[in-house]
Amino acid sequence: MELETILELSDDAAAEGEYETAYHLLMAALHVAEHRGDHDAVERIAAIGARLGAAVEAVTPPHRVSRDEARTRGHTAIFDSLETHAKAVRLRLESAARLAKAKASAVRA
């Protein structure tokens, strides 16, 4: 799976105002980045999500996936959700790296 292709598709979808599609493509990219253990890609995806979330908030009238519209349904805005997922992935990758380092140190001892 080519991460760059997924990110390009997400950008294309956002450019067409298809923010839900862009979100799902970013989530797919986030899964790929996690499976690869790619910290830099996780950070990049989080930054893209923040940028797209800001773009959604600027849409007038409010877009159906904006924070205000999500609140009216008792939900979290999807790009806020993406930010939370990215943080969780970041923490899992950091934890796995620390665990691997600790195991390597134990083997050497």
Protein backbone atom coordinates (compact mmCIF):
# COMPACT_ATOMS: atom_id res chain seq x y z
CA MET A 1 0.00 0.00 0.00
CA GLU A 2 1.49 3.31 -1.06
CA LEU A 3 1.04 5.93 1.64
CA GLU A 4 1.68 8.83 -0.73
CA THR A 5 -1.12 7.67 -3.02
CA ILE A 6 -3.59 7.57 -0.13
CA LEU A 7 -2.54 11.07 0.97
CA GLU A 8 -2.88 12.41 -2.57
CA LEU A 9 -6.38 10.95 -2.82
CA SER A 10 -7.26 12.58 0.49
CA ASP A 11 -6.02 15.95 -0.77
CA ASP A 12 -8.00 15.51 -4.00
CA ALA A 13 -11.16 14.67 -2.06
CA ALA A 14 -10.74 17.69 0.21
CA ALA A 15 -10.16 19.97 -2.77
CA GLU A 16 -13.54 18.82 -4.10
CA GLY A 17 -15.21 19.46 -0.73
CA GLU A 18 -15.51 15.75 -0.03
CA TYR A 19 -14.29 16.09 3.54
CA GLU A 20 -15.78 12.82 4.76
CA THR A 21 -13.88 10.92 2.06
CA ALA A 22 -10.71 12.88 2.85
CA TYR A 23 -11.10 11.95 6.53
CA HIS A 24 -11.51 8.24 5.81
CA LEU A 25 -8.49 8.27 3.52
CA LEU A 26 -6.45 9.95 6.24
CA MET A 27 -7.58 7.31 8.71
CA ALA A 28 -6.50 4.62 6.23
CA ALA A 29 -3.14 6.36 5.90
CA LEU A 30 -2.86 6.48 9.69
CA HIS A 31 -3.39 2.71 9.88
CA VAL A 32 -0.70 2.13 7.25
CA ALA A 33 1.70 4.44 9.10
CA GLU A 34 1.05 2.62 12.38
CA HIS A 35 1.57 -0.81 10.82
CA ARG A 36 4.88 0.42 9.42
CA GLY A 37 5.89 2.07 12.69
CA ASP A 38 6.40 5.31 10.76
CA HIS A 39 6.43 8.11 13.37
CA ASP A 40 7.08 10.83 10.79
CA ALA A 41 4.08 9.76 8.70
CA VAL A 42 1.85 9.79 11.79
CA GLU A 43 2.91 13.38 12.49
CA ARG A 44 2.37 14.36 8.87
CA ILE A 45 -1.10 12.80 8.79
CA ALA A 46 -2.03 14.58 12.04
CA ALA A 47 -0.91 17.89 10.52
CA ILE A 48 -2.93 17.28 7.36
CA GLY A 49 -5.95 16.40 9.48
CA ALA A 50 -5.57 19.63 11.46
CA ARG A 51 -5.33 21.60 8.22
CA LEU A 52 -8.44 19.95 6.78
CA GLY A 53 -10.29 20.37 10.06
CA ALA A 54 -9.58 24.10 9.92
CA ALA A 55 -10.79 24.19 6.31
CA VAL A 56 -14.06 22.51 7.31
CA GLU A 57 -14.58 25.05 10.08
CA ALA A 58 -14.19 27.87 7.55
CA VAL A 59 -16.99 26.61 5.30
CA THR A 60 -20.11 28.79 5.25
CA PRO A 61 -22.79 27.73 5.94
CA PRO A 62 -21.33 25.24 8.41
CA HIS A 63 -20.37 21.94 6.80
CA ARG A 64 -22.17 18.84 8.11
CA VAL A 65 -18.88 17.53 9.60
CA SER A 66 -17.99 20.81 11.34
CA ARG A 67 -17.70 20.98 15.11
CA ASP A 68 -20.96 22.91 15.46
CA GLU A 69 -22.90 20.48 13.31
CA ALA A 70 -21.37 17.48 15.11
CA ARG A 71 -22.32 18.99 18.48
CA THR A 72 -25.96 19.32 17.39
CA ARG A 73 -25.95 15.53 16.93
CA GLY A 74 -24.08 14.90 20.18
CA HIS A 75 -20.96 13.78 18.32
CA THR A 76 -17.30 14.73 18.10
CA ALA A 77 -16.20 16.37 14.86
CA ILE A 78 -14.44 13.83 12.63
CA PHE A 79 -11.21 15.78 12.32
CA ASP A 80 -11.07 16.14 16.11
CA SER A 81 -11.52 12.38 16.23
CA LEU A 82 -8.64 11.96 13.78
CA GLU A 83 -6.44 14.07 16.06
CA THR A 84 -7.30 11.80 18.99
CA HIS A 85 -6.54 8.68 16.93
CA ALA A 86 -3.21 10.13 15.80
CA LYS A 87 -2.26 10.82 19.42
CA ALA A 88 -3.14 7.24 20.36
CA VAL A 89 -1.06 5.86 17.49
CA ARG A 90 1.84 8.10 18.47
CA LEU A 91 1.66 6.80 22.06
CA ARG A 92 1.47 3.16 20.93
CA LEU A 93 4.51 3.59 18.69
CA GLU A 94 6.46 5.32 21.46
CA SER A 95 5.52 2.59 23.91
CA ALA A 96 6.55 -0.15 21.47
CA ALA A 97 9.90 1.57 20.88
CA ARG A 98 10.56 1.84 24.63
CA LEU A 99 9.61 -1.80 25.14
CA ALA A 100 11.90 -2.93 22.31
CA LYS A 101 14.74 -0.88 23.77
CA ALA A 102 14.18 -2.37 27.23
CA LYS A 103 14.12 -5.90 25.79
CA ALA A 104 17.33 -5.25 23.85
CA SER A 105 19.01 -3.97 27.03
CA ALA A 106 17.84 -7.06 28.94
CA VAL A 107 19.30 -9.37 26.28
CA ARG A 108 22.68 -7.60 26.45
CA ALA A 109 22.77 -7.81 30.26
